[in-house]
């Protein structure tokens, strides 16, 4: 209610659980976060109550893996309408995307350009938009590499949410409906996958619910 009051709204259209990991309100003496062991299903049940009370129209998740989504689908009463995850040509997340689509969960792709401006990126890191294959496909289609990436995601049935503060780039990012990538171009871009996660948030790796552990289980 406090958040709705600040926003001067009667309800929210969509409310997401940003990460399956949780933190306690208090912090360590050095200022670091203290992990909470609260099960994300417990949080999900509370979010379902917001829907029942009419404060939220739809609820979803972000950064959930297949195991965690299965739990929400099995143990919850409301299916998440969206899973917001990092997706781009270097991290195609094919299996997770397929699982979401098979269960009618919309996939929102954040960091579609692999967050090249993140402060901790190694200086020697090769930027996604500079990839020779993307440059080649962009040239063949008379489009920018960024437009090619966005079109690739859209043709996979994803919702892409690029970020930019430059007016010309914002305008360019919107102009991706006037062309279509060929099947060959889609394969070329899909083959760029390196399972490279730009926003791995590895400081959460010790948390029991950190979603990107290899062979995740609970």
N, C-alpha and C. Protein backbone atom coordinates (compact mmCIF):
# COMPACT_ATOMS: atom_id res chain seq x y z
N UNK A 1 0.82 -1.20 0.00
CA UNK A 1 0.00 0.00 0.00
C UNK A 1 0.86 1.26 0.00
N UNK A 2 1.97 1.19 0.71
CA UNK A 2 2.87 2.35 0.77
C UNK A 2 3.41 2.67 -0.62
N UNK A 3 3.80 1.63 -1.35
CA UNK A 3 4.33 1.83 -2.70
C UNK A 3 3.26 2.40 -3.62
N UNK A 4 2.05 1.89 -3.54
CA UNK A 4 0.97 2.39 -4.37
C UNK A 4 0.68 3.84 -4.04
N UNK A 5 0.78 4.19 -2.77
CA UNK A 5 0.55 5.57 -2.37
C UNK A 5 1.59 6.51 -2.96
N UNK A 6 2.85 6.06 -2.94
CA UNK A 6 3.92 6.88 -3.51
C UNK A 6 3.74 7.06 -5.01
N UNK A 7 3.27 6.00 -5.66
CA UNK A 7 3.07 6.05 -7.11
C UNK A 7 1.73 6.69 -7.49
N UNK A 8 0.89 6.93 -6.49
CA UNK A 8 -0.44 7.50 -6.70
C UNK A 8 -1.27 6.61 -7.64
N UNK A 9 -1.22 5.30 -7.32
CA UNK A 9 -1.95 4.32 -8.11
C UNK A 9 -2.84 3.48 -7.19
N UNK A 10 -3.87 2.91 -7.78
CA UNK A 10 -4.75 2.02 -7.02
C UNK A 10 -4.31 0.57 -7.14
N UNK A 11 -3.55 0.25 -8.21
CA UNK A 11 -3.05 -1.10 -8.41
C UNK A 11 -1.87 -1.07 -9.37
N UNK A 12 -1.12 -2.17 -9.40
CA UNK A 12 -0.01 -2.33 -10.34
C UNK A 12 -0.42 -3.33 -11.42
N UNK A 13 -0.04 -3.06 -12.66
CA UNK A 13 -0.33 -4.00 -13.74
C UNK A 13 0.52 -5.26 -13.62
N UNK A 14 1.79 -5.10 -13.22
CA UNK A 14 2.70 -6.24 -13.15
C UNK A 14 3.68 -6.04 -12.00
N UNK A 15 3.86 -7.08 -11.21
CA UNK A 15 4.75 -7.04 -10.05
C UNK A 15 5.66 -8.26 -10.12
N UNK A 16 6.97 -8.04 -10.09
CA UNK A 16 7.94 -9.12 -10.24
C UNK A 16 8.74 -9.38 -8.97
N UNK A 17 9.06 -10.65 -8.73
CA UNK A 17 10.07 -11.00 -7.75
C UNK A 17 11.40 -10.94 -8.48
N UNK A 18 12.25 -10.00 -8.10
CA UNK A 18 13.44 -9.70 -8.90
C UNK A 18 14.47 -10.81 -8.91
N UNK A 19 14.59 -11.55 -7.82
CA UNK A 19 15.61 -12.60 -7.74
C UNK A 19 15.12 -13.64 -6.73
N UNK A 20 15.41 -14.92 -6.93
CA UNK A 20 14.97 -15.94 -5.97
C UNK A 20 15.73 -15.88 -4.65
N UNK A 21 16.87 -15.19 -4.62
CA UNK A 21 17.62 -15.04 -3.38
C UNK A 21 17.08 -13.86 -2.58
N UNK A 22 17.18 -13.96 -1.26
CA UNK A 22 16.69 -12.88 -0.41
C UNK A 22 17.74 -12.41 0.57
N UNK A 23 17.51 -11.23 1.13
CA UNK A 23 18.42 -10.66 2.13
C UNK A 23 17.63 -10.23 3.36
N UNK A 24 18.30 -10.21 4.49
CA UNK A 24 17.70 -9.67 5.70
C UNK A 24 17.81 -8.14 5.67
N UNK A 25 16.95 -7.48 6.43
CA UNK A 25 16.97 -6.02 6.47
C UNK A 25 18.27 -5.50 7.10
N UNK A 26 18.72 -6.17 8.17
CA UNK A 26 19.96 -5.73 8.81
C UNK A 26 21.16 -6.15 7.97
N UNK A 27 22.29 -5.49 8.19
CA UNK A 27 23.52 -5.79 7.44
C UNK A 27 24.65 -6.16 8.39
N UNK A 28 25.72 -6.69 7.84
CA UNK A 28 26.89 -7.03 8.63
C UNK A 28 27.59 -5.74 9.06
N UNK A 29 28.52 -5.86 9.98
CA UNK A 29 29.24 -4.69 10.47
C UNK A 29 29.98 -3.96 9.34
N UNK A 30 30.45 -4.74 8.35
CA UNK A 30 31.18 -4.12 7.23
C UNK A 30 30.25 -3.58 6.15
N UNK A 31 28.93 -3.70 6.38
CA UNK A 31 27.98 -3.16 5.42
C UNK A 31 27.47 -4.17 4.40
N UNK A 32 28.05 -5.37 4.39
CA UNK A 32 27.62 -6.39 3.44
C UNK A 32 26.23 -6.92 3.81
N UNK A 33 25.55 -7.44 2.79
CA UNK A 33 24.23 -8.00 3.01
C UNK A 33 24.31 -9.33 3.77
N UNK A 34 23.23 -9.64 4.48
CA UNK A 34 23.11 -10.92 5.17
C UNK A 34 22.03 -11.73 4.45
N UNK A 35 22.38 -12.93 4.02
CA UNK A 35 21.44 -13.75 3.29
C UNK A 35 20.23 -14.14 4.15
N UNK A 36 19.08 -14.16 3.52
CA UNK A 36 17.87 -14.68 4.14
C UNK A 36 17.60 -16.07 3.59
N UNK A 37 17.16 -16.97 4.45
CA UNK A 37 16.87 -18.34 4.05
C UNK A 37 15.41 -18.51 3.66
N UNK A 38 14.66 -17.42 3.62
CA UNK A 38 13.24 -17.51 3.27
C UNK A 38 13.07 -18.10 1.88
N UNK A 39 12.24 -19.12 1.78
CA UNK A 39 11.98 -19.79 0.50
C UNK A 39 11.24 -18.84 -0.44
N UNK A 40 11.69 -18.79 -1.70
CA UNK A 40 11.03 -17.91 -2.66
C UNK A 40 9.56 -18.28 -2.88
N UNK A 41 9.20 -19.53 -2.59
CA UNK A 41 7.80 -19.93 -2.69
C UNK A 41 6.96 -19.20 -1.64
N UNK A 42 7.54 -19.00 -0.47
CA UNK A 42 6.86 -18.23 0.57
C UNK A 42 6.58 -16.81 0.07
N UNK A 43 7.55 -16.24 -0.57
CA UNK A 43 7.38 -14.89 -1.13
C UNK A 43 6.32 -14.91 -2.22
N UNK A 44 6.34 -15.94 -3.05
CA UNK A 44 5.37 -16.04 -4.15
C UNK A 44 3.93 -16.12 -3.61
N UNK A 45 3.73 -16.89 -2.55
CA UNK A 45 2.39 -17.01 -1.96
C UNK A 45 1.90 -15.65 -1.47
N UNK A 46 2.81 -14.85 -0.91
CA UNK A 46 2.43 -13.51 -0.46
C UNK A 46 2.09 -12.62 -1.65
N UNK A 47 2.79 -12.80 -2.75
CA UNK A 47 2.48 -12.02 -3.95
C UNK A 47 1.12 -12.40 -4.51
N UNK A 48 0.78 -13.68 -4.40
CA UNK A 48 -0.55 -14.12 -4.85
C UNK A 48 -1.66 -13.43 -4.07
N UNK A 49 -1.40 -13.15 -2.80
CA UNK A 49 -2.39 -12.46 -1.96
C UNK A 49 -2.65 -11.05 -2.49
N UNK A 50 -1.62 -10.41 -3.04
CA UNK A 50 -1.78 -9.07 -3.59
C UNK A 50 -2.74 -9.09 -4.78
N UNK A 51 -2.68 -10.17 -5.56
CA UNK A 51 -3.60 -10.32 -6.70
C UNK A 51 -5.02 -10.49 -6.17
N UNK A 52 -5.18 -11.33 -5.16
CA UNK A 52 -6.50 -11.59 -4.58
C UNK A 52 -7.11 -10.31 -4.00
N UNK A 53 -6.25 -9.43 -3.48
CA UNK A 53 -6.72 -8.19 -2.87
C UNK A 53 -6.95 -7.09 -3.91
N UNK A 54 -6.62 -7.37 -5.18
CA UNK A 54 -6.82 -6.39 -6.22
C UNK A 54 -5.77 -5.31 -6.29
N UNK A 55 -4.66 -5.50 -5.57
CA UNK A 55 -3.59 -4.50 -5.57
C UNK A 55 -2.63 -4.68 -6.74
N UNK A 56 -2.64 -5.89 -7.31
CA UNK A 56 -1.77 -6.22 -8.44
C UNK A 56 -2.57 -7.04 -9.44
N UNK A 57 -2.43 -6.73 -10.72
CA UNK A 57 -3.16 -7.47 -11.75
C UNK A 57 -2.44 -8.77 -12.12
N UNK A 58 -1.14 -8.68 -12.33
CA UNK A 58 -0.36 -9.85 -12.74
C UNK A 58 0.95 -9.90 -11.96
N UNK A 59 1.45 -11.12 -11.75
CA UNK A 59 2.73 -11.29 -11.04
C UNK A 59 3.65 -12.18 -11.86
N UNK A 60 4.93 -11.97 -11.67
CA UNK A 60 5.92 -12.76 -12.41
C UNK A 60 7.22 -12.82 -11.64
N UNK A 61 8.24 -13.35 -12.29
CA UNK A 61 9.54 -13.52 -11.65
C UNK A 61 10.64 -13.02 -12.56
N UNK A 62 11.83 -12.95 -11.99
CA UNK A 62 13.00 -12.55 -12.76
C UNK A 62 14.19 -13.36 -12.27
N UNK A 63 15.02 -13.79 -13.19
CA UNK A 63 16.22 -14.57 -12.86
C UNK A 63 15.89 -15.92 -12.21
N UNK A 64 14.83 -16.55 -12.65
CA UNK A 64 14.48 -17.89 -12.16
C UNK A 64 14.92 -18.94 -13.18
N UNK A 65 15.49 -20.05 -12.68
CA UNK A 65 15.86 -21.15 -13.58
C UNK A 65 14.69 -22.12 -13.72
N UNK A 66 14.90 -23.18 -14.49
CA UNK A 66 13.80 -24.13 -14.74
C UNK A 66 13.34 -24.82 -13.46
N UNK A 67 14.27 -25.23 -12.63
CA UNK A 67 13.91 -25.91 -11.38
C UNK A 67 13.01 -25.02 -10.55
N UNK A 68 13.40 -23.77 -10.42
CA UNK A 68 12.64 -22.84 -9.60
C UNK A 68 11.28 -22.53 -10.21
N UNK A 69 11.22 -22.41 -11.51
CA UNK A 69 9.94 -22.19 -12.18
C UNK A 69 9.01 -23.37 -11.98
N UNK A 70 9.55 -24.58 -12.06
CA UNK A 70 8.72 -25.78 -11.85
C UNK A 70 8.10 -25.76 -10.46
N UNK A 71 8.87 -25.34 -9.48
CA UNK A 71 8.35 -25.27 -8.11
C UNK A 71 7.20 -24.27 -8.02
N UNK A 72 7.39 -23.10 -8.66
CA UNK A 72 6.34 -22.08 -8.62
C UNK A 72 5.08 -22.60 -9.32
N UNK A 73 5.27 -23.26 -10.45
CA UNK A 73 4.13 -23.80 -11.19
C UNK A 73 3.42 -24.91 -10.41
N UNK A 74 4.17 -25.69 -9.67
CA UNK A 74 3.61 -26.82 -8.93
C UNK A 74 3.03 -26.42 -7.57
N UNK A 75 3.74 -25.56 -6.86
CA UNK A 75 3.36 -25.24 -5.48
C UNK A 75 2.53 -23.97 -5.36
N UNK A 76 2.55 -23.14 -6.39
CA UNK A 76 1.77 -21.92 -6.35
C UNK A 76 0.39 -22.12 -6.93
N UNK A 77 -0.46 -21.13 -6.76
CA UNK A 77 -1.81 -21.17 -7.32
C UNK A 77 -1.95 -20.32 -8.57
N UNK A 78 -1.05 -19.36 -8.74
CA UNK A 78 -1.07 -18.48 -9.90
C UNK A 78 0.21 -18.69 -10.70
N UNK A 79 0.07 -18.89 -11.98
CA UNK A 79 1.23 -19.07 -12.85
C UNK A 79 1.90 -17.72 -13.11
N UNK A 80 3.23 -17.65 -13.03
CA UNK A 80 3.89 -16.39 -13.36
C UNK A 80 3.66 -16.04 -14.82
N UNK A 81 3.34 -14.80 -15.09
CA UNK A 81 3.07 -14.40 -16.48
C UNK A 81 4.36 -14.11 -17.23
N UNK A 82 5.45 -13.86 -16.49
CA UNK A 82 6.71 -13.50 -17.15
C UNK A 82 7.89 -13.98 -16.33
N UNK A 83 8.97 -14.31 -17.02
CA UNK A 83 10.27 -14.54 -16.39
C UNK A 83 11.25 -13.61 -17.09
N UNK A 84 11.77 -12.66 -16.35
CA UNK A 84 12.70 -11.67 -16.92
C UNK A 84 14.12 -12.16 -16.69
N UNK A 85 14.83 -12.45 -17.78
CA UNK A 85 16.17 -13.03 -17.69
C UNK A 85 17.11 -12.36 -18.70
N UNK A 86 18.40 -12.53 -18.48
CA UNK A 86 19.39 -12.03 -19.42
C UNK A 86 19.42 -12.93 -20.66
N UNK A 87 19.19 -12.35 -21.82
CA UNK A 87 19.26 -13.10 -23.08
C UNK A 87 19.86 -12.21 -24.15
N UNK A 88 20.82 -12.74 -24.87
CA UNK A 88 21.44 -12.06 -26.00
C UNK A 88 22.18 -13.12 -26.82
N UNK A 89 22.76 -12.78 -27.95
CA UNK A 89 23.42 -13.80 -28.78
C UNK A 89 24.55 -14.55 -28.10
N UNK A 90 25.17 -13.98 -27.09
CA UNK A 90 26.21 -14.69 -26.35
C UNK A 90 25.65 -15.52 -25.19
N UNK A 91 24.35 -15.36 -24.92
CA UNK A 91 23.68 -16.13 -23.88
C UNK A 91 22.25 -16.37 -24.36
N UNK A 92 22.09 -17.38 -25.22
CA UNK A 92 20.79 -17.59 -25.87
C UNK A 92 19.77 -18.26 -24.96
N UNK A 93 20.24 -18.96 -23.92
CA UNK A 93 19.34 -19.58 -22.92
C UNK A 93 18.23 -20.39 -23.59
N UNK A 94 18.58 -21.18 -24.58
CA UNK A 94 17.58 -21.90 -25.38
C UNK A 94 16.66 -22.78 -24.55
N UNK A 95 17.23 -23.59 -23.66
CA UNK A 95 16.40 -24.53 -22.89
C UNK A 95 15.42 -23.79 -21.97
N UNK A 96 15.91 -22.74 -21.31
CA UNK A 96 15.05 -22.00 -20.39
C UNK A 96 13.96 -21.25 -21.15
N UNK A 97 14.31 -20.67 -22.29
CA UNK A 97 13.32 -19.97 -23.11
C UNK A 97 12.25 -20.96 -23.59
N UNK A 98 12.67 -22.12 -24.06
CA UNK A 98 11.73 -23.13 -24.53
C UNK A 98 10.79 -23.56 -23.42
N UNK A 99 11.35 -23.79 -22.23
CA UNK A 99 10.53 -24.19 -21.08
C UNK A 99 9.47 -23.13 -20.78
N UNK A 100 9.89 -21.88 -20.77
CA UNK A 100 8.95 -20.79 -20.50
C UNK A 100 7.83 -20.76 -21.55
N UNK A 101 8.20 -20.85 -22.81
CA UNK A 101 7.20 -20.80 -23.87
C UNK A 101 6.25 -21.99 -23.79
N UNK A 102 6.77 -23.15 -23.46
CA UNK A 102 5.92 -24.34 -23.34
C UNK A 102 4.91 -24.20 -22.21
N UNK A 103 5.23 -23.35 -21.24
CA UNK A 103 4.34 -23.15 -20.10
C UNK A 103 3.65 -21.78 -20.15
N UNK A 104 3.62 -21.20 -21.34
CA UNK A 104 2.94 -19.92 -21.56
C UNK A 104 3.44 -18.82 -20.63
N UNK A 105 4.74 -18.80 -20.39
CA UNK A 105 5.37 -17.74 -19.61
C UNK A 105 6.15 -16.84 -20.56
N UNK A 106 5.82 -15.58 -20.57
CA UNK A 106 6.51 -14.62 -21.44
C UNK A 106 7.94 -14.44 -20.95
N UNK A 107 8.88 -14.42 -21.87
CA UNK A 107 10.28 -14.18 -21.53
C UNK A 107 10.64 -12.74 -21.91
N UNK A 108 11.05 -11.98 -20.91
CA UNK A 108 11.56 -10.63 -21.15
C UNK A 108 13.08 -10.69 -21.11
N UNK A 109 13.71 -10.27 -22.18
CA UNK A 109 15.17 -10.33 -22.30
C UNK A 109 15.78 -9.00 -21.87
N UNK A 110 16.41 -9.00 -20.69
CA UNK A 110 17.13 -7.78 -20.30
C UNK A 110 18.60 -7.91 -20.71
N UNK A 111 19.30 -6.81 -20.72
CA UNK A 111 20.70 -6.76 -21.18
C UNK A 111 20.86 -7.39 -22.56
N UNK A 112 20.04 -7.00 -23.54
CA UNK A 112 20.13 -7.62 -24.86
C UNK A 112 21.45 -7.36 -25.59
N UNK A 113 22.21 -6.35 -25.13
CA UNK A 113 23.51 -6.06 -25.74
C UNK A 113 24.65 -6.50 -24.83
N UNK A 114 24.35 -7.32 -23.83
CA UNK A 114 25.34 -7.89 -22.90
C UNK A 114 25.98 -6.83 -22.01
N UNK A 115 25.26 -5.77 -21.70
CA UNK A 115 25.70 -4.75 -20.74
C UNK A 115 27.15 -4.33 -20.92
N UNK A 116 27.51 -3.77 -22.07
CA UNK A 116 28.90 -3.41 -22.32
C UNK A 116 29.41 -2.29 -21.41
N UNK A 117 28.50 -1.51 -20.82
CA UNK A 117 28.92 -0.38 -20.00
C UNK A 117 29.02 -0.71 -18.51
N UNK A 118 28.90 -1.98 -18.14
CA UNK A 118 29.00 -2.32 -16.72
C UNK A 118 30.42 -2.04 -16.22
N UNK A 119 30.50 -1.50 -15.03
CA UNK A 119 31.78 -0.98 -14.52
C UNK A 119 32.83 -2.06 -14.30
N UNK A 120 32.41 -3.31 -14.07
CA UNK A 120 33.36 -4.37 -13.76
C UNK A 120 33.78 -5.19 -15.00
N UNK A 121 33.37 -4.77 -16.17
CA UNK A 121 33.73 -5.51 -17.38
C UNK A 121 35.24 -5.43 -17.62
N UNK A 122 35.90 -6.57 -17.91
CA UNK A 122 37.35 -6.55 -18.19
C UNK A 122 37.64 -5.69 -19.43
N UNK A 123 38.75 -4.98 -19.39
CA UNK A 123 39.11 -4.11 -20.51
C UNK A 123 39.27 -4.88 -21.81
N UNK A 124 39.72 -6.12 -21.70
CA UNK A 124 39.98 -6.93 -22.91
C UNK A 124 38.73 -7.62 -23.44
N UNK A 125 37.61 -7.47 -22.76
CA UNK A 125 36.39 -8.15 -23.18
C UNK A 125 35.91 -7.65 -24.55
N UNK A 126 35.60 -8.59 -25.41
CA UNK A 126 35.09 -8.24 -26.73
C UNK A 126 33.60 -7.93 -26.65
N UNK A 127 33.22 -6.77 -27.12
CA UNK A 127 31.83 -6.35 -27.02
C UNK A 127 30.96 -7.08 -28.04
N UNK A 128 29.78 -7.45 -27.57
CA UNK A 128 28.84 -8.18 -28.42
C UNK A 128 28.58 -7.45 -29.74
N UNK A 129 28.30 -6.16 -29.68
CA UNK A 129 27.93 -5.42 -30.89
C UNK A 129 29.09 -5.26 -31.86
N UNK A 130 30.30 -5.60 -31.42
CA UNK A 130 31.47 -5.56 -32.31
C UNK A 130 31.75 -6.92 -32.94
N UNK A 131 30.92 -7.91 -32.62
CA UNK A 131 31.15 -9.26 -33.15
C UNK A 131 31.11 -9.25 -34.67
N UNK A 132 32.10 -9.86 -35.34
CA UNK A 132 32.17 -9.85 -36.82
C UNK A 132 30.93 -10.42 -37.49
N UNK A 133 30.34 -11.46 -36.90
CA UNK A 133 29.13 -12.06 -37.49
C UNK A 133 27.97 -11.08 -37.44
N UNK A 134 27.80 -10.43 -36.31
CA UNK A 134 26.73 -9.44 -36.20
C UNK A 134 26.98 -8.27 -37.14
N UNK A 135 28.22 -7.88 -37.26
CA UNK A 135 28.58 -6.79 -38.17
C UNK A 135 28.24 -7.18 -39.61
N UNK A 136 28.51 -8.41 -39.94
CA UNK A 136 28.24 -8.91 -41.30
C UNK A 136 26.74 -8.95 -41.58
N UNK A 137 25.97 -9.49 -40.63
CA UNK A 137 24.51 -9.57 -40.80
C UNK A 137 23.91 -8.17 -40.86
N UNK A 138 24.44 -7.27 -40.06
CA UNK A 138 23.96 -5.89 -40.07
C UNK A 138 24.21 -5.23 -41.42
N UNK A 139 25.37 -5.46 -41.96
CA UNK A 139 25.71 -4.88 -43.26
C UNK A 139 24.81 -5.44 -44.36
N UNK A 140 24.57 -6.74 -44.33
CA UNK A 140 23.73 -7.39 -45.34
C UNK A 140 22.29 -6.88 -45.30
N UNK A 141 21.84 -6.49 -44.09
CA UNK A 141 20.45 -6.04 -43.93
C UNK A 141 20.33 -4.52 -43.88
N UNK A 142 21.46 -3.83 -44.02
CA UNK A 142 21.49 -2.37 -43.96
C UNK A 142 20.89 -1.86 -42.65
N UNK A 143 21.29 -2.50 -41.55
CA UNK A 143 20.83 -2.13 -40.23
C UNK A 143 22.03 -2.06 -39.28
N UNK A 144 21.82 -1.54 -38.09
CA UNK A 144 22.89 -1.50 -37.10
C UNK A 144 22.96 -2.85 -36.38
N UNK A 145 24.12 -3.19 -35.79
CA UNK A 145 24.22 -4.44 -35.02
C UNK A 145 23.19 -4.50 -33.89
N UNK A 146 22.91 -3.37 -33.27
CA UNK A 146 21.93 -3.35 -32.18
C UNK A 146 20.54 -3.71 -32.71
N UNK A 147 20.19 -3.19 -33.87
CA UNK A 147 18.89 -3.51 -34.47
C UNK A 147 18.81 -4.99 -34.82
N UNK A 148 19.91 -5.55 -35.27
CA UNK A 148 19.95 -6.97 -35.61
C UNK A 148 19.70 -7.81 -34.36
N UNK A 149 20.35 -7.46 -33.25
CA UNK A 149 20.18 -8.21 -32.00
C UNK A 149 18.72 -8.14 -31.54
N UNK A 150 18.15 -6.96 -31.58
CA UNK A 150 16.77 -6.80 -31.13
C UNK A 150 15.80 -7.58 -32.02
N UNK A 151 16.05 -7.53 -33.33
CA UNK A 151 15.19 -8.27 -34.25
C UNK A 151 15.33 -9.78 -34.02
N UNK A 152 16.53 -10.24 -33.75
CA UNK A 152 16.78 -11.65 -33.45
C UNK A 152 15.97 -12.10 -32.24
N UNK A 153 15.97 -11.28 -31.21
CA UNK A 153 15.22 -11.62 -29.99
C UNK A 153 13.72 -11.62 -30.25
N UNK A 154 13.24 -10.63 -30.99
CA UNK A 154 11.82 -10.55 -31.29
C UNK A 154 11.35 -11.75 -32.11
N UNK A 155 12.17 -12.18 -33.06
CA UNK A 155 11.79 -13.32 -33.88
C UNK A 155 11.82 -14.64 -33.10
N UNK A 156 12.47 -14.62 -31.95
CA UNK A 156 12.44 -15.79 -31.06
C UNK A 156 11.22 -15.74 -30.14
N UNK A 157 10.41 -14.71 -30.28
CA UNK A 157 9.22 -14.59 -29.45
C UNK A 157 9.49 -13.99 -28.09
N UNK A 158 10.56 -13.21 -27.95
CA UNK A 158 10.92 -12.60 -26.68
C UNK A 158 10.55 -11.12 -26.65
N UNK A 159 10.40 -10.60 -25.45
CA UNK A 159 10.24 -9.17 -25.25
C UNK A 159 11.61 -8.61 -24.89
N UNK A 160 12.14 -7.73 -25.70
CA UNK A 160 13.47 -7.18 -25.46
C UNK A 160 13.36 -5.80 -24.83
N UNK A 161 14.19 -5.55 -23.81
CA UNK A 161 14.15 -4.24 -23.15
C UNK A 161 15.56 -3.62 -23.16
N UNK A 162 15.95 -3.03 -24.28
CA UNK A 162 17.26 -2.37 -24.37
C UNK A 162 17.30 -1.11 -23.51
N UNK A 163 18.49 -0.70 -23.16
CA UNK A 163 18.68 0.48 -22.33
C UNK A 163 19.62 1.45 -23.04
N UNK A 164 19.24 2.70 -23.11
CA UNK A 164 20.09 3.72 -23.71
C UNK A 164 19.65 5.09 -23.22
N UNK A 165 20.59 6.01 -23.15
CA UNK A 165 20.27 7.39 -22.78
C UNK A 165 20.51 8.33 -23.97
N UNK A 166 20.88 7.73 -25.11
CA UNK A 166 21.14 8.52 -26.32
C UNK A 166 19.90 8.55 -27.20
N UNK A 167 19.30 9.71 -27.43
CA UNK A 167 18.05 9.81 -28.21
C UNK A 167 18.11 9.10 -29.56
N UNK A 168 19.21 9.23 -30.29
CA UNK A 168 19.30 8.61 -31.61
C UNK A 168 19.28 7.09 -31.52
N UNK A 169 19.91 6.54 -30.48
CA UNK A 169 19.92 5.09 -30.31
C UNK A 169 18.57 4.58 -29.84
N UNK A 170 17.93 5.36 -28.98
CA UNK A 170 16.58 4.97 -28.54
C UNK A 170 15.64 4.90 -29.74
N UNK A 171 15.73 5.88 -30.62
CA UNK A 171 14.90 5.89 -31.83
C UNK A 171 15.23 4.72 -32.73
N UNK A 172 16.52 4.44 -32.89
CA UNK A 172 16.96 3.32 -33.72
C UNK A 172 16.50 1.99 -33.17
N UNK A 173 16.53 1.86 -31.85
CA UNK A 173 16.14 0.59 -31.21
C UNK A 173 14.67 0.28 -31.43
N UNK A 174 13.87 1.31 -31.65
CA UNK A 174 12.44 1.10 -31.87
C UNK A 174 12.16 0.65 -33.30
N UNK A 175 13.05 0.99 -34.22
CA UNK A 175 12.81 0.76 -35.64
C UNK A 175 13.29 -0.63 -36.07
N UNK A 176 12.62 -1.66 -35.54
CA UNK A 176 13.03 -3.03 -35.86
C UNK A 176 11.87 -3.86 -36.43
N UNK A 177 10.80 -3.20 -36.78
CA UNK A 177 9.64 -3.92 -37.31
C UNK A 177 9.57 -3.91 -38.84
N UNK A 178 10.47 -3.18 -39.46
CA UNK A 178 10.38 -3.00 -40.92
C UNK A 178 11.18 -4.04 -41.70
N UNK A 179 11.80 -4.98 -41.00
CA UNK A 179 12.59 -6.00 -41.71
C UNK A 179 12.51 -7.31 -40.94
N UNK A 180 12.92 -8.38 -41.60
CA UNK A 180 12.92 -9.71 -40.98
C UNK A 180 14.20 -10.42 -41.30
N UNK A 181 14.77 -11.07 -40.31
CA UNK A 181 16.00 -11.83 -40.52
C UNK A 181 15.69 -13.16 -41.18
N UNK A 182 16.55 -13.58 -42.08
CA UNK A 182 16.36 -14.87 -42.75
C UNK A 182 16.66 -16.00 -41.78
N UNK A 183 16.23 -17.20 -42.14
CA UNK A 183 16.52 -18.37 -41.31
C UNK A 183 18.01 -18.56 -41.15
N UNK A 184 18.76 -18.29 -42.21
CA UNK A 184 20.21 -18.42 -42.17
C UNK A 184 20.83 -17.41 -41.20
N UNK A 185 20.33 -16.18 -41.25
CA UNK A 185 20.83 -15.15 -40.33
C UNK A 185 20.53 -15.54 -38.89
N UNK A 186 19.33 -16.05 -38.64
CA UNK A 186 18.96 -16.46 -37.28
C UNK A 186 19.88 -17.56 -36.77
N UNK A 187 20.24 -18.50 -37.63
CA UNK A 187 21.15 -19.58 -37.24
C UNK A 187 22.54 -19.04 -36.95
N UNK A 188 23.01 -18.13 -37.80
CA UNK A 188 24.33 -17.54 -37.59
C UNK A 188 24.41 -16.87 -36.22
N UNK A 189 23.37 -16.10 -35.90
CA UNK A 189 23.37 -15.37 -34.63
C UNK A 189 23.23 -16.33 -33.46
N UNK A 190 22.36 -17.33 -33.60
CA UNK A 190 22.18 -18.31 -32.53
C UNK A 190 23.45 -19.09 -32.22
N UNK A 191 24.25 -19.30 -33.26
CA UNK A 191 25.49 -20.06 -33.09
C UNK A 191 26.58 -19.27 -32.36
N UNK A 192 26.31 -17.99 -32.09
CA UNK A 192 27.28 -17.17 -31.36
C UNK A 192 27.27 -17.47 -29.87
N UNK A 193 26.30 -18.25 -29.42
CA UNK A 193 26.14 -18.51 -27.99
C UNK A 193 27.43 -19.00 -27.33
N UNK A 194 27.78 -18.37 -26.19
CA UNK A 194 28.96 -18.76 -25.41
C UNK A 194 28.59 -19.05 -23.96
N UNK A 195 27.30 -19.01 -23.67
CA UNK A 195 26.83 -19.09 -22.28
C UNK A 195 27.51 -18.04 -21.41
N UNK A 196 27.71 -16.87 -22.01
CA UNK A 196 28.35 -15.76 -21.31
C UNK A 196 27.30 -14.90 -20.61
N UNK A 197 27.36 -14.89 -19.29
CA UNK A 197 26.40 -14.11 -18.50
C UNK A 197 27.08 -12.84 -18.00
N UNK A 198 26.67 -11.70 -18.56
CA UNK A 198 27.29 -10.43 -18.19
C UNK A 198 26.91 -10.02 -16.77
N UNK A 199 25.67 -10.33 -16.38
CA UNK A 199 25.18 -9.95 -15.05
C UNK A 199 24.95 -11.20 -14.21
N UNK A 200 26.04 -11.90 -13.93
CA UNK A 200 25.95 -13.16 -13.19
C UNK A 200 25.68 -12.94 -11.71
N UNK A 201 25.98 -11.74 -11.20
CA UNK A 201 25.79 -11.44 -9.78
C UNK A 201 26.41 -12.53 -8.91
N UNK A 202 27.67 -12.81 -9.18
CA UNK A 202 28.34 -13.94 -8.53
C UNK A 202 28.55 -13.74 -7.04
N UNK A 203 28.37 -12.52 -6.54
CA UNK A 203 28.48 -12.31 -5.09
C UNK A 203 27.37 -13.07 -4.36
N UNK A 204 26.34 -13.48 -5.10
CA UNK A 204 25.25 -14.26 -4.50
C UNK A 204 25.46 -15.77 -4.65
N UNK A 205 26.57 -16.16 -5.23
CA UNK A 205 26.82 -17.59 -5.50
C UNK A 205 26.67 -18.48 -4.26
N UNK A 206 27.09 -18.05 -3.07
CA UNK A 206 26.94 -18.92 -1.89
C UNK A 206 25.49 -19.11 -1.45
N UNK A 207 24.59 -18.27 -1.92
CA UNK A 207 23.19 -18.36 -1.48
C UNK A 207 22.57 -19.66 -1.98
N UNK A 208 21.78 -20.31 -1.14
CA UNK A 208 21.20 -21.61 -1.48
C UNK A 208 20.28 -21.54 -2.69
N UNK A 209 19.72 -20.36 -2.97
CA UNK A 209 18.79 -20.22 -4.08
C UNK A 209 19.39 -19.47 -5.28
N UNK A 210 20.72 -19.32 -5.29
CA UNK A 210 21.36 -18.67 -6.45
C UNK A 210 21.04 -19.49 -7.70
N UNK A 211 20.41 -18.89 -8.71
CA UNK A 211 19.82 -19.67 -9.81
C UNK A 211 20.78 -20.20 -10.87
N UNK A 212 21.98 -19.63 -10.98
CA UNK A 212 22.81 -19.98 -12.13
C UNK A 212 23.93 -20.95 -11.80
N UNK A 213 23.78 -21.69 -10.68
CA UNK A 213 24.73 -22.75 -10.39
C UNK A 213 24.57 -23.88 -11.38
N UNK A 214 25.68 -24.51 -11.75
CA UNK A 214 25.61 -25.65 -12.67
C UNK A 214 24.92 -26.82 -11.97
N UNK A 215 24.02 -27.47 -12.69
CA UNK A 215 23.26 -28.61 -12.13
C UNK A 215 22.52 -28.21 -10.86
N UNK A 216 21.87 -27.08 -10.92
CA UNK A 216 21.12 -26.56 -9.77
C UNK A 216 20.09 -27.56 -9.25
N UNK A 217 20.03 -27.68 -7.96
CA UNK A 217 18.99 -28.48 -7.31
C UNK A 217 18.79 -27.95 -5.91
N UNK A 218 17.74 -28.41 -5.25
CA UNK A 218 17.47 -27.99 -3.86
C UNK A 218 17.25 -29.21 -3.00
